[in-house]
C-alpha cells in the first residue's frame, strides 16, 4: 500500500512538473500581453490579451512537439496552421513586423540580459 501511494504521488508530481511552462516562454507570453500592440491573424486584428490567449491555446495543442523556446515561437506564435499566413504585430509608432521576428528579438534581448547579469 505504501508503495502504491508513493507511485501515485511520484506520477502526479512528474505530471505537474511536465505541465510547468518554461520561464522564457512565460516571459514571451507576458511580453505579448503587456506590449500594447495589436496582433494580426488572417487579416483580423486582436488585442494583446487575446493574442496571448490564442498563443497559449496553440502552445497547449503543440506542447508535445515543443522542445525549446524557438519551437514555441515556431509552433504557437508564428503563423496560422489553417491559412499559412504569418501573424503580424502592430505596435504604436513602429512598422508592422512578423510575430516570429518580434518574439525572436525579445528572446535574444532576454538572453543577453541574463548573460550580462
PDB file of N, CA and C in Angstrom:
ATOM      1  N   UNK A   1       0.817  -1.194   0.000  1.00  0.00           N
ATOM      2  CA  UNK A   1       0.000   0.000   0.000  1.00  0.00           C
ATOM      3  C   UNK A   1       0.866   1.265   0.000  1.00  0.00           C
ATOM      4  N   UNK A   2       1.926   1.278   0.837  1.00  0.00           N
ATOM      5  CA  UNK A   2       2.809   2.439   0.890  1.00  0.00           C
ATOM      6  C   UNK A   2       3.416   2.707  -0.478  1.00  0.00           C
ATOM      7  N   UNK A   3       3.796   1.630  -1.166  1.00  0.00           N
ATOM      8  CA  UNK A   3       4.440   1.789  -2.466  1.00  0.00           C
ATOM      9  C   UNK A   3       3.466   2.308  -3.512  1.00  0.00           C
ATOM     10  N   UNK A   4       2.205   1.907  -3.418  1.00  0.00           N
ATOM     11  CA  UNK A   4       1.187   2.395  -4.352  1.00  0.00           C
ATOM     12  C   UNK A   4       0.977   3.893  -4.188  1.00  0.00           C
ATOM     13  N   UNK A   5       0.901   4.343  -2.952  1.00  0.00           N
ATOM     14  CA  UNK A   5       0.719   5.771  -2.686  1.00  0.00           C
ATOM     15  C   UNK A   5       1.931   6.552  -3.172  1.00  0.00           C
ATOM     16  N   UNK A   6       3.119   6.017  -2.923  1.00  0.00           N
ATOM     17  CA  UNK A   6       4.342   6.668  -3.376  1.00  0.00           C
ATOM     18  C   UNK A   6       4.378   6.737  -4.902  1.00  0.00           C
ATOM     19  N   UNK A   7       3.997   5.658  -5.556  1.00  0.00           N
ATOM     20  CA  UNK A   7       3.988   5.636  -7.020  1.00  0.00           C
ATOM     21  C   UNK A   7       3.003   6.659  -7.576  1.00  0.00           C
ATOM     22  N   UNK A   8       1.835   6.745  -6.977  1.00  0.00           N
ATOM     23  CA  UNK A   8       0.832   7.712  -7.425  1.00  0.00           C
ATOM     24  C   UNK A   8       1.326   9.135  -7.191  1.00  0.00           C
ATOM     25  N   UNK A   9       1.887   9.386  -6.018  1.00  0.00           N
ATOM     26  CA  UNK A   9       2.396  10.723  -5.701  1.00  0.00           C
ATOM     27  C   UNK A   9       3.513  11.120  -6.660  1.00  0.00           C
ATOM     28  N   UNK A  10       4.414  10.192  -6.949  1.00  0.00           N
ATOM     29  CA  UNK A  10       5.514  10.461  -7.880  1.00  0.00           C
ATOM     30  C   UNK A  10       4.971  10.760  -9.267  1.00  0.00           C
ATOM     31  N   UNK A  11       4.003   9.982  -9.700  1.00  0.00           N
ATOM     32  CA  UNK A  11       3.393  10.188 -11.009  1.00  0.00           C
ATOM     33  C   UNK A  11       2.726  11.555 -11.101  1.00  0.00           C
ATOM     34  N   UNK A  12       1.997  11.943 -10.072  1.00  0.00           N
ATOM     35  CA  UNK A  12       1.340  13.247 -10.059  1.00  0.00           C
ATOM     36  C   UNK A  12       2.353  14.380 -10.067  1.00  0.00           C
ATOM     37  N   UNK A  13       3.432  14.228  -9.299  1.00  0.00           N
ATOM     38  CA  UNK A  13       4.476  15.244  -9.264  1.00  0.00           C
ATOM     39  C   UNK A  13       5.109  15.399 -10.637  1.00  0.00           C
ATOM     40  N   UNK A  14       5.411  14.286 -11.294  1.00  0.00           N
ATOM     41  CA  UNK A  14       6.038  14.340 -12.613  1.00  0.00           C
ATOM     42  C   UNK A  14       5.093  14.973 -13.630  1.00  0.00           C
ATOM     43  N   UNK A  15       3.804  14.682 -13.538  1.00  0.00           N
ATOM     44  CA  UNK A  15       2.832  15.281 -14.452  1.00  0.00           C
ATOM     45  C   UNK A  15       2.753  16.783 -14.236  1.00  0.00           C
ATOM     46  N   UNK A  16       2.759  17.209 -12.983  1.00  0.00           N
ATOM     47  CA  UNK A  16       2.710  18.640 -12.675  1.00  0.00           C
ATOM     48  C   UNK A  16       3.962  19.339 -13.178  1.00  0.00           C
ATOM     49  N   UNK A  17       5.116  18.707 -13.003  1.00  0.00           N
ATOM     50  CA  UNK A  17       6.372  19.304 -13.465  1.00  0.00           C
ATOM     51  C   UNK A  17       6.377  19.431 -14.982  1.00  0.00           C
ATOM     52  N   UNK A  18       5.858  18.412 -15.670  1.00  0.00           N
ATOM     53  CA  UNK A  18       5.816  18.453 -17.128  1.00  0.00           C
ATOM     54  C   UNK A  18       4.871  19.540 -17.620  1.00  0.00           C
ATOM     55  N   UNK A  19       3.860  19.850 -16.823  1.00  0.00           N
ATOM     56  CA  UNK A  19       2.876  20.858 -17.214  1.00  0.00           C
ATOM     57  C   UNK A  19       3.380  22.282 -16.983  1.00  0.00           C
ATOM     58  N   UNK A  20       4.462  22.451 -16.231  1.00  0.00           N
ATOM     59  CA  UNK A  20       5.002  23.782 -15.986  1.00  0.00           C
ATOM     60  C   UNK A  20       5.510  24.379 -17.291  1.00  0.00           C
ATOM     61  N   UNK A  21       5.297  25.656 -17.435  1.00  0.00           N
ATOM     62  CA  UNK A  21       5.740  26.345 -18.641  1.00  0.00           C
ATOM     63  C   UNK A  21       7.122  26.929 -18.378  1.00  0.00           C
ATOM     64  N   UNK A  22       8.089  26.677 -19.271  1.00  0.00           N
ATOM     65  CA  UNK A  22       9.438  27.222 -19.086  1.00  0.00           C
ATOM     66  C   UNK A  22       9.431  28.750 -18.960  1.00  0.00           C
ATOM     67  N   UNK A  23      10.361  29.265 -18.183  1.00  0.00           N
ATOM     68  CA  UNK A  23      10.418  30.699 -17.861  1.00  0.00           C
ATOM     69  C   UNK A  23      10.505  31.583 -19.105  1.00  0.00           C
ATOM     70  N   UNK A  24      11.289  31.183 -20.097  1.00  0.00           N
ATOM     71  CA  UNK A  24      11.404  32.009 -21.308  1.00  0.00           C
ATOM     72  C   UNK A  24      10.060  32.123 -22.026  1.00  0.00           C
ATOM     73  N   UNK A  25       9.309  31.032 -22.042  1.00  0.00           N
ATOM     74  CA  UNK A  25       8.004  31.047 -22.705  1.00  0.00           C
ATOM     75  C   UNK A  25       7.029  31.918 -21.917  1.00  0.00           C
ATOM     76  N   UNK A  26       7.051  31.802 -20.605  1.00  0.00           N
ATOM     77  CA  UNK A  26       6.204  32.664 -19.768  1.00  0.00           C
ATOM     78  C   UNK A  26       6.553  34.130 -20.031  1.00  0.00           C
ATOM     79  N   UNK A  27       7.850  34.423 -20.109  1.00  0.00           N
ATOM     80  CA  UNK A  27       8.279  35.796 -20.380  1.00  0.00           C
ATOM     81  C   UNK A  27       7.701  36.289 -21.706  1.00  0.00           C
ATOM     82  N   UNK A  28       7.795  35.471 -22.751  1.00  0.00           N
ATOM     83  CA  UNK A  28       7.283  35.895 -24.054  1.00  0.00           C
ATOM     84  C   UNK A  28       5.763  36.068 -24.037  1.00  0.00           C
ATOM     85  N   UNK A  29       5.063  35.192 -23.343  1.00  0.00           N
ATOM     86  CA  UNK A  29       3.610  35.347 -23.214  1.00  0.00           C
ATOM     87  C   UNK A  29       3.268  36.658 -22.506  1.00  0.00           C
ATOM     88  N   UNK A  30       3.993  36.958 -21.436  1.00  0.00           N
ATOM     89  CA  UNK A  30       3.789  38.222 -20.718  1.00  0.00           C
ATOM     90  C   UNK A  30       4.140  39.418 -21.612  1.00  0.00           C
ATOM     91  N   UNK A  31       5.212  39.274 -22.369  1.00  0.00           N
ATOM     92  CA  UNK A  31       5.654  40.331 -23.279  1.00  0.00           C
ATOM     93  C   UNK A  31       4.558  40.651 -24.297  1.00  0.00           C
ATOM     94  N   UNK A  32       3.956  39.618 -24.854  1.00  0.00           N
ATOM     95  CA  UNK A  32       2.854  39.809 -25.801  1.00  0.00           C
ATOM     96  C   UNK A  32       1.701  40.538 -25.119  1.00  0.00           C
ATOM     97  N   UNK A  33       1.279  40.022 -23.977  1.00  0.00           N
ATOM     98  CA  UNK A  33       0.095  40.557 -23.297  1.00  0.00           C
ATOM     99  C   UNK A  33       0.254  42.010 -22.869  1.00  0.00           C
ATOM    100  N   UNK A  34       1.439  42.392 -22.447  1.00  0.00           N
ATOM    101  CA  UNK A  34       1.658  43.735 -21.908  1.00  0.00           C
ATOM    102  C   UNK A  34       2.329  44.677 -22.909  1.00  0.00           C
ATOM    103  N   UNK A  35       2.376  44.276 -24.167  1.00  0.00           N
ATOM    104  CA  UNK A  35       3.081  45.049 -25.192  1.00  0.00           C
ATOM    105  C   UNK A  35       2.354  46.317 -25.616  1.00  0.00           C
ATOM    106  N   UNK A  36       1.036  46.328 -25.493  1.00  0.00           N
ATOM    107  CA  UNK A  36       0.271  47.453 -26.016  1.00  0.00           C
ATOM    108  C   UNK A  36       0.136  47.407 -27.528  1.00  0.00           C
ATOM    109  N   UNK A  37       0.519  46.286 -28.114  1.00  0.00           N
ATOM    110  CA  UNK A  37       0.471  46.111 -29.566  1.00  0.00           C
ATOM    111  C   UNK A  37      -0.771  45.319 -29.964  1.00  0.00           C
ATOM    112  N   UNK A  38      -1.092  45.372 -31.243  1.00  0.00           N
ATOM    113  CA  UNK A  38      -2.177  44.559 -31.782  1.00  0.00           C
ATOM    114  C   UNK A  38      -1.586  43.419 -32.597  1.00  0.00           C
ATOM    115  N   UNK A  39      -2.250  42.287 -32.529  1.00  0.00           N
ATOM    116  CA  UNK A  39      -1.846  41.110 -33.286  1.00  0.00           C
ATOM    117  C   UNK A  39      -2.755  40.966 -34.489  1.00  0.00           C
ATOM    118  N   UNK A  40      -2.170  40.742 -35.639  1.00  0.00           N
ATOM    119  CA  UNK A  40      -2.946  40.497 -36.851  1.00  0.00           C
ATOM    120  C   UNK A  40      -2.854  39.019 -37.206  1.00  0.00           C
ATOM    121  N   UNK A  41      -4.025  38.389 -37.241  1.00  0.00           N
ATOM    122  CA  UNK A  41      -4.112  36.980 -37.639  1.00  0.00           C
ATOM    123  C   UNK A  41      -5.115  36.872 -38.774  1.00  0.00           C
ATOM    124  N   UNK A  42      -4.645  36.405 -39.919  1.00  0.00           N
ATOM    125  CA  UNK A  42      -5.520  36.205 -41.080  1.00  0.00           C
ATOM    126  C   UNK A  42      -6.326  37.462 -41.425  1.00  0.00           C
ATOM    127  N   UNK A  43      -5.682  38.617 -41.302  1.00  0.00           N
ATOM    128  CA  UNK A  43      -6.311  39.872 -41.678  1.00  0.00           C
ATOM    129  C   UNK A  43      -7.173  40.511 -40.604  1.00  0.00           C
ATOM    130  N   UNK A  44      -7.375  39.831 -39.480  1.00  0.00           N
ATOM    131  CA  UNK A  44      -8.153  40.383 -38.368  1.00  0.00           C
ATOM    132  C   UNK A  44      -7.216  40.829 -37.259  1.00  0.00           C
ATOM    133  N   UNK A  45      -7.586  41.929 -36.600  1.00  0.00           N
ATOM    134  CA  UNK A  45      -6.760  42.466 -35.529  1.00  0.00           C
ATOM    135  C   UNK A  45      -7.306  42.039 -34.172  1.00  0.00           C
ATOM    136  N   UNK A  46      -6.373  41.731 -33.264  1.00  0.00           N
ATOM    137  CA  UNK A  46      -6.729  41.244 -31.931  1.00  0.00           C
ATOM    138  C   UNK A  46      -5.891  41.971 -30.889  1.00  0.00           C
ATOM    139  N   UNK A  47      -6.476  42.151 -29.714  1.00  0.00           N
ATOM    140  CA  UNK A  47      -5.755  42.801 -28.617  1.00  0.00           C
ATOM    141  C   UNK A  47      -4.586  41.928 -28.165  1.00  0.00           C
ATOM    142  N   UNK A  48      -3.683  42.547 -27.450  1.00  0.00           N
ATOM    143  CA  UNK A  48      -2.533  41.812 -26.913  1.00  0.00           C
ATOM    144  C   UNK A  48      -2.990  40.704 -25.966  1.00  0.00           C
ATOM    145  N   UNK A  49      -4.013  40.984 -25.178  1.00  0.00           N
ATOM    146  CA  UNK A  49      -4.539  39.975 -24.251  1.00  0.00           C
ATOM    147  C   UNK A  49      -5.131  38.790 -25.016  1.00  0.00           C
ATOM    148  N   UNK A  50      -5.888  39.071 -26.070  1.00  0.00           N
ATOM    149  CA  UNK A  50      -6.446  37.998 -26.893  1.00  0.00           C
ATOM    150  C   UNK A  50      -5.346  37.227 -27.616  1.00  0.00           C
ATOM    151  N   UNK A  51      -4.300  37.944 -28.030  1.00  0.00           N
ATOM    152  CA  UNK A  51      -3.176  37.286 -28.696  1.00  0.00           C
ATOM    153  C   UNK A  51      -2.515  36.288 -27.754  1.00  0.00           C
ATOM    154  N   UNK A  52      -2.306  36.696 -26.514  1.00  0.00           N
ATOM    155  CA  UNK A  52      -1.710  35.779 -25.539  1.00  0.00           C
ATOM    156  C   UNK A  52      -2.576  34.532 -25.382  1.00  0.00           C
ATOM    157  N   UNK A  53      -3.878  34.719 -25.254  1.00  0.00           N
ATOM    158  CA  UNK A  53      -4.786  33.581 -25.081  1.00  0.00           C
ATOM    159  C   UNK A  53      -4.712  32.642 -26.283  1.00  0.00           C
ATOM    160  N   UNK A  54      -4.663  33.205 -27.482  1.00  0.00           N
ATOM    161  CA  UNK A  54      -4.581  32.387 -28.692  1.00  0.00           C
ATOM    162  C   UNK A  54      -3.256  31.619 -28.749  1.00  0.00           C
ATOM    163  N   UNK A  55      -2.166  32.309 -28.445  1.00  0.00           N
ATOM    164  CA  UNK A  55      -0.848  31.668 -28.463  1.00  0.00           C
ATOM    165  C   UNK A  55      -0.785  30.571 -27.404  1.00  0.00           C
ATOM    166  N   UNK A  56      -1.351  30.827 -26.248  1.00  0.00           N
ATOM    167  CA  UNK A  56      -1.366  29.823 -25.180  1.00  0.00           C
ATOM    168  C   UNK A  56      -2.163  28.594 -25.604  1.00  0.00           C
ATOM    169  N   UNK A  57      -3.270  28.804 -26.268  1.00  0.00           N
ATOM    170  CA  UNK A  57      -4.087  27.693 -26.767  1.00  0.00           C
ATOM    171  C   UNK A  57      -3.278  26.843 -27.749  1.00  0.00           C
ATOM    172  N   UNK A  58      -2.554  27.518 -28.653  1.00  0.00           N
ATOM    173  CA  UNK A  58      -1.721  26.779 -29.605  1.00  0.00           C
ATOM    174  C   UNK A  58      -0.556  26.093 -28.898  1.00  0.00           C
ATOM    175  N   UNK A  59      -0.001  26.738 -27.879  1.00  0.00           N
ATOM    176  CA  UNK A  59       1.080  26.119 -27.102  1.00  0.00           C
ATOM    177  C   UNK A  59       0.604  24.803 -26.498  1.00  0.00           C
ATOM    178  N   UNK A  60      -0.562  24.825 -25.887  1.00  0.00           N
ATOM    179  CA  UNK A  60      -1.099  23.601 -25.276  1.00  0.00           C
ATOM    180  C   UNK A  60      -1.314  22.518 -26.328  1.00  0.00           C
ATOM    181  N   UNK A  61      -1.782  22.910 -27.503  1.00  0.00           N
ATOM    182  CA  UNK A  61      -2.025  21.947 -28.577  1.00  0.00           C
ATOM    183  C   UNK A  61      -0.720  21.305 -29.054  1.00  0.00           C
ATOM    184  N   UNK A  62       0.326  22.101 -29.218  1.00  0.00           N
ATOM    185  CA  UNK A  62       1.605  21.619 -29.755  1.00  0.00           C
ATOM    186  C   UNK A  62       2.631  21.279 -28.678  1.00  0.00           C
ATOM    187  N   UNK A  63       2.236  21.291 -27.423  1.00  0.00           N
ATOM    188  CA  UNK A  63       3.182  21.166 -26.314  1.00  0.00           C
ATOM    189  C   UNK A  63       4.121  19.966 -26.445  1.00  0.00           C
ATOM    190  N   UNK A  64       3.627  18.843 -26.896  1.00  0.00           N
ATOM    191  CA  UNK A  64       4.477  17.652 -27.012  1.00  0.00           C
ATOM    192  C   UNK A  64       5.550  17.810 -28.079  1.00  0.00           C
ATOM    193  N   UNK A  65       5.339  18.684 -29.050  1.00  0.00           N
ATOM    194  CA  UNK A  65       6.310  18.916 -30.123  1.00  0.00           C
ATOM    195  C   UNK A  65       7.316  20.005 -29.771  1.00  0.00           C
ATOM    196  N   UNK A  66       7.045  20.754 -28.726  1.00  0.00           N
ATOM    197  CA  UNK A  66       7.873  21.909 -28.373  1.00  0.00           C
ATOM    198  C   UNK A  66       8.970  21.494 -27.400  1.00  0.00           C
ATOM    199  N   UNK A  67      10.217  21.647 -27.860  1.00  0.00           N
ATOM    200  CA  UNK A  67      11.375  21.280 -27.038  1.00  0.00           C
ATOM    201  C   UNK A  67      12.235  22.479 -26.675  1.00  0.00           C
ATOM    202  N   UNK A  68      11.926  23.639 -27.230  1.00  0.00           N
ATOM    203  CA  UNK A  68      12.719  24.841 -26.963  1.00  0.00           C
ATOM    204  C   UNK A  68      11.819  26.064 -27.102  1.00  0.00           C
ATOM    205  N   UNK A  69      12.340  27.198 -26.691  1.00  0.00           N
ATOM    206  CA  UNK A  69      11.579  28.433 -26.847  1.00  0.00           C
ATOM    207  C   UNK A  69      11.421  28.770 -28.325  1.00  0.00           C
ATOM    208  N   UNK A  70      12.431  28.466 -29.114  1.00  0.00           N
ATOM    209  CA  UNK A  70      12.326  28.685 -30.560  1.00  0.00           C
ATOM    210  C   UNK A  70      11.211  27.829 -31.159  1.00  0.00           C
ATOM    211  N   UNK A  71      11.085  26.592 -30.676  1.00  0.00           N
ATOM    212  CA  UNK A  71       9.974  25.736 -31.122  1.00  0.00           C
ATOM    213  C   UNK A  71       8.633  26.357 -30.735  1.00  0.00           C
ATOM    214  N   UNK A  72       8.561  26.892 -29.530  1.00  0.00           N
ATOM    215  CA  UNK A  72       7.340  27.560 -29.075  1.00  0.00           C
ATOM    216  C   UNK A  72       6.949  28.661 -30.060  1.00  0.00           C
ATOM    217  N   UNK A  73       7.911  29.484 -30.431  1.00  0.00           N
ATOM    218  CA  UNK A  73       7.630  30.566 -31.375  1.00  0.00           C
ATOM    219  C   UNK A  73       7.180  29.984 -32.713  1.00  0.00           C
ATOM    220  N   UNK A  74       7.898  28.984 -33.196  1.00  0.00           N
ATOM    221  CA  UNK A  74       7.599  28.372 -34.493  1.00  0.00           C
ATOM    222  C   UNK A  74       6.197  27.764 -34.527  1.00  0.00           C
ATOM    223  N   UNK A  75       5.842  27.021 -33.494  1.00  0.00           N
ATOM    224  CA  UNK A  75       4.564  26.310 -33.489  1.00  0.00           C
ATOM    225  C   UNK A  75       3.385  27.172 -33.033  1.00  0.00           C
ATOM    226  N   UNK A  76       3.583  28.006 -32.032  1.00  0.00           N
ATOM    227  CA  UNK A  76       2.453  28.677 -31.389  1.00  0.00           C
ATOM    228  C   UNK A  76       2.284  30.148 -31.754  1.00  0.00           C
ATOM    229  N   UNK A  77       3.333  30.811 -32.213  1.00  0.00           N
ATOM    230  CA  UNK A  77       3.248  32.266 -32.375  1.00  0.00           C
ATOM    231  C   UNK A  77       3.770  32.763 -33.714  1.00  0.00           C
ATOM    232  N   UNK A  78       3.771  31.924 -34.711  1.00  0.00           N
ATOM    233  CA  UNK A  78       4.384  32.256 -35.984  1.00  0.00           C
ATOM    234  C   UNK A  78       3.371  32.509 -37.093  1.00  0.00           C
ATOM    235  N   UNK A  79       2.515  31.524 -37.330  1.00  0.00           N
ATOM    236  CA  UNK A  79       1.570  31.657 -38.438  1.00  0.00           C
ATOM    237  C   UNK A  79       0.361  30.764 -38.218  1.00  0.00           C
ATOM    238  N   UNK A  80      -0.653  31.013 -39.013  1.00  0.00           N
ATOM    239  CA  UNK A  80      -1.883  30.236 -38.941  1.00  0.00           C
ATOM    240  C   UNK A  80      -1.649  28.836 -39.497  1.00  0.00           C
ATOM    241  N   UNK A  81      -2.067  27.847 -38.743  1.00  0.00           N
ATOM    242  CA  UNK A  81      -1.954  26.466 -39.214  1.00  0.00           C
ATOM    243  C   UNK A  81      -2.923  26.215 -40.368  1.00  0.00           C
ATOM    244  N   UNK A  82      -4.002  26.961 -40.424  1.00  0.00           N
ATOM    245  CA  UNK A  82      -5.004  26.757 -41.478  1.00  0.00           C
ATOM    246  C   UNK A  82      -4.653  27.482 -42.770  1.00  0.00           C
ATOM    247  N   UNK A  83      -4.364  28.765 -42.682  1.00  0.00           N
ATOM    248  CA  UNK A  83      -4.111  29.555 -43.892  1.00  0.00           C
ATOM    249  C   UNK A  83      -2.635  29.617 -44.271  1.00  0.00           C
ATOM    250  N   UNK A  84      -1.758  29.399 -43.290  1.00  0.00           N
ATOM    251  CA  UNK A  84      -0.324  29.537 -43.537  1.00  0.00           C
ATOM    252  C   UNK A  84       0.154  30.981 -43.493  1.00  0.00           C
ATOM    253  N   UNK A  85      -0.767  31.927 -43.247  1.00  0.00           N
ATOM    254  CA  UNK A  85      -0.386  33.342 -43.182  1.00  0.00           C
ATOM    255  C   UNK A  85       0.340  33.625 -41.870  1.00  0.00           C
ATOM    256  N   UNK A  86       1.425  34.386 -41.995  1.00  0.00           N
ATOM    257  CA  UNK A  86       2.201  34.759 -40.811  1.00  0.00           C
ATOM    258  C   UNK A  86       1.422  35.756 -39.962  1.00  0.00           C
ATOM    259  N   UNK A  87       1.531  35.599 -38.646  1.00  0.00           N
ATOM    260  CA  UNK A  87       0.968  36.581 -37.725  1.00  0.00           C
ATOM    261  C   UNK A  87       1.844  37.826 -37.791  1.00  0.00           C
ATOM    262  N   UNK A  88       1.213  38.971 -37.677  1.00  0.00           N
ATOM    263  CA  UNK A  88       1.955  40.234 -37.660  1.00  0.00           C
ATOM    264  C   UNK A  88       1.638  40.973 -36.373  1.00  0.00           C
ATOM    265  N   UNK A  89       2.617  41.734 -35.934  1.00  0.00           N
ATOM    266  CA  UNK A  89       2.471  42.536 -34.723  1.00  0.00           C
ATOM    267  C   UNK A  89       2.488  44.006 -35.137  1.00  0.00           C
ATOM    268  N   UNK A  90       1.533  44.758 -34.630  1.00  0.00           N
ATOM    269  CA  UNK A  90       1.414  46.186 -34.932  1.00  0.00           C
ATOM    270  C   UNK A  90       1.561  46.949 -33.616  1.00  0.00           C
ATOM    271  N   UNK A  91       2.710  47.580 -33.449  1.00  0.00           N
ATOM    272  CA  UNK A  91       2.984  48.352 -32.230  1.00  0.00           C
ATOM    273  C   UNK A  91       2.942  49.843 -32.562  1.00  0.00           C
ATOM    274  N   UNK A  92       2.433  50.654 -31.651  1.00  0.00           N
ATOM    275  CA  UNK A  92       2.349  52.100 -31.891  1.00  0.00           C
ATOM    276  C   UNK A  92       3.715  52.700 -32.243  1.00  0.00           C
ATOM    277  N   UNK A  93       3.737  53.489 -33.319  1.00  0.00           N
ATOM    278  CA  UNK A  93       4.952  54.190 -33.710  1.00  0.00           C
ATOM    279  C   UNK A  93       6.002  53.327 -34.386  1.00  0.00           C
ATOM    280  N   UNK A  94       5.657  52.085 -34.715  1.00  0.00           N
ATOM    281  CA  UNK A  94       6.609  51.183 -35.365  1.00  0.00           C
ATOM    282  C   UNK A  94       5.963  50.548 -36.591  1.00  0.00           C
ATOM    283  N   UNK A  95       6.799  50.100 -37.504  1.00  0.00           N
ATOM    284  CA  UNK A  95       6.282  49.366 -38.653  1.00  0.00           C
ATOM    285  C   UNK A  95       5.834  47.983 -38.202  1.00  0.00           C
ATOM    286  N   UNK A  96       4.792  47.481 -38.856  1.00  0.00           N
ATOM    287  CA  UNK A  96       4.329  46.122 -38.561  1.00  0.00           C
ATOM    288  C   UNK A  96       5.434  45.137 -38.918  1.00  0.00           C
ATOM    289  N   UNK A  97       5.519  44.074 -38.134  1.00  0.00           N
ATOM    290  CA  UNK A  97       6.508  43.037 -38.430  1.00  0.00           C
ATOM    291  C   UNK A  97       5.932  41.672 -38.085  1.00  0.00           C
ATOM    292  N   UNK A  98       6.556  40.641 -38.606  1.00  0.00           N
ATOM    293  CA  UNK A  98       6.104  39.289 -38.308  1.00  0.00           C
ATOM    294  C   UNK A  98       6.282  39.000 -36.826  1.00  0.00           C
ATOM    295  N   UNK A  99       5.291  38.349 -36.280  1.00  0.00           N
ATOM    296  CA  UNK A  99       5.315  37.986 -34.861  1.00  0.00           C
ATOM    297  C   UNK A  99       6.572  37.198 -34.517  1.00  0.00           C
ATOM    298  N   UNK A 100       6.918  36.255 -35.366  1.00  0.00           N
ATOM    299  CA  UNK A 100       8.106  35.427 -35.126  1.00  0.00           C
ATOM    300  C   UNK A 100       9.341  36.301 -34.942  1.00  0.00           C
ATOM    301  N   UNK A 101       9.549  37.239 -35.845  1.00  0.00           N
ATOM    302  CA  UNK A 101      10.732  38.100 -35.783  1.00  0.00           C
ATOM    303  C   UNK A 101      10.724  38.962 -34.522  1.00  0.00           C
ATOM    304  N   UNK A 102       9.557  39.491 -34.183  1.00  0.00           N
ATOM    305  CA  UNK A 102       9.393  40.329 -32.992  1.00  0.00           C
ATOM    306  C   UNK A 102       9.719  39.547 -31.725  1.00  0.00           C
ATOM    307  N   UNK A 103       9.230  38.311 -31.656  1.00  0.00           N
ATOM    308  CA  UNK A 103       9.482  37.485 -30.471  1.00  0.00           C
ATOM    309  C   UNK A 103      10.930  37.010 -30.398  1.00  0.00           C
ATOM    310  N   UNK A 104      11.536  36.717 -31.534  1.00  0.00           N
ATOM    311  CA  UNK A 104      12.958  36.330 -31.543  1.00  0.00           C
ATOM    312  C   UNK A 104      13.817  37.493 -31.048  1.00  0.00           C
ATOM    313  N   UNK A 105      13.491  38.712 -31.464  1.00  0.00           N
ATOM    314  CA  UNK A 105      14.229  39.884 -30.968  1.00  0.00           C
ATOM    315  C   UNK A 105      14.140  39.975 -29.445  1.00  0.00           C
ATOM    316  N   UNK A 106      12.946  39.783 -28.905  1.00  0.00           N
ATOM    317  CA  UNK A 106      12.771  39.852 -27.452  1.00  0.00           C
ATOM    318  C   UNK A 106      13.478  38.694 -26.758  1.00  0.00           C
ATOM    319  N   UNK A 107      13.416  37.511 -27.326  1.00  0.00           N
ATOM    320  CA  UNK A 107      14.102  36.355 -26.744  1.00  0.00           C
ATOM    321  C   UNK A 107      15.611  36.596 -26.706  1.00  0.00           C
ATOM    322  N   UNK A 108      16.161  37.109 -27.788  1.00  0.00           N
ATOM    323  CA  UNK A 108      17.599  37.407 -27.822  1.00  0.00           C
ATOM    324  C   UNK A 108      17.963  38.476 -26.790  1.00  0.00           C
ATOM    325  N   UNK A 109      17.106  39.504 -26.649  1.00  0.00           N
ATOM    326  CA  UNK A 109      17.353  40.547 -25.647  1.00  0.00           C
ATOM    327  C   UNK A 109      17.343  39.953 -24.242  1.00  0.00           C
ATOM    328  N   UNK A 110      16.367  39.096 -23.971  1.00  0.00           N
ATOM    329  CA  UNK A 110      16.258  38.446 -22.667  1.00  0.00           C
ATOM    330  C   UNK A 110      17.504  37.613 -22.362  1.00  0.00           C
ATOM    331  N   UNK A 111      17.962  36.859 -23.335  1.00  0.00           N
ATOM    332  CA  UNK A 111      19.140  36.009 -23.127  1.00  0.00           C
ATOM    333  C   UNK A 111      20.401  36.839 -22.930  1.00  0.00           C
ATOM    334  N   UNK A 112      20.538  37.931 -23.673  1.00  0.00           N
ATOM    335  CA  UNK A 112      21.700  38.819 -23.472  1.00  0.00           C
ATOM    336  C   UNK A 112      21.678  39.411 -22.070  1.00  0.00           C
ATOM    337  N   UNK A 113      20.493  39.784 -21.612  1.00  0.00           N
ATOM    338  CA  UNK A 113      20.340  40.355 -20.273  1.00  0.00           C
ATOM    339  C   UNK A 113      20.739  39.336 -19.208  1.00  0.00           C
ATOM    340  N   UNK A 114      20.361  38.091 -19.401  1.00  0.00           N
ATOM    341  CA  UNK A 114      20.722  37.037 -18.443  1.00  0.00           C
ATOM    342  C   UNK A 114      22.231  36.857 -18.372  1.00  0.00           C
ATOM    343  N   UNK A 115      22.886  36.893 -19.524  1.00  0.00           N
ATOM    344  CA  UNK A 115      24.345  36.727 -19.572  1.00  0.00           C
ATOM    345  C   UNK A 115      25.030  37.903 -18.890  1.00  0.00           C
ATOM    346  N   UNK A 116      24.499  39.101 -19.103  1.00  0.00           N
ATOM    347  CA  UNK A 116      25.095  40.311 -18.521  1.00  0.00           C
ATOM    348  C   UNK A 116      24.957  40.348 -17.001  1.00  0.00           C
ATOM    349  N   UNK A 117      23.943  39.690 -16.490  1.00  0.00           N
ATOM    350  CA  UNK A 117      23.727  39.692 -15.033  1.00  0.00           C
ATOM    351  C   UNK A 117      24.372  38.482 -14.486  1.00  0.00           C
TER     352      UNK A 117
END
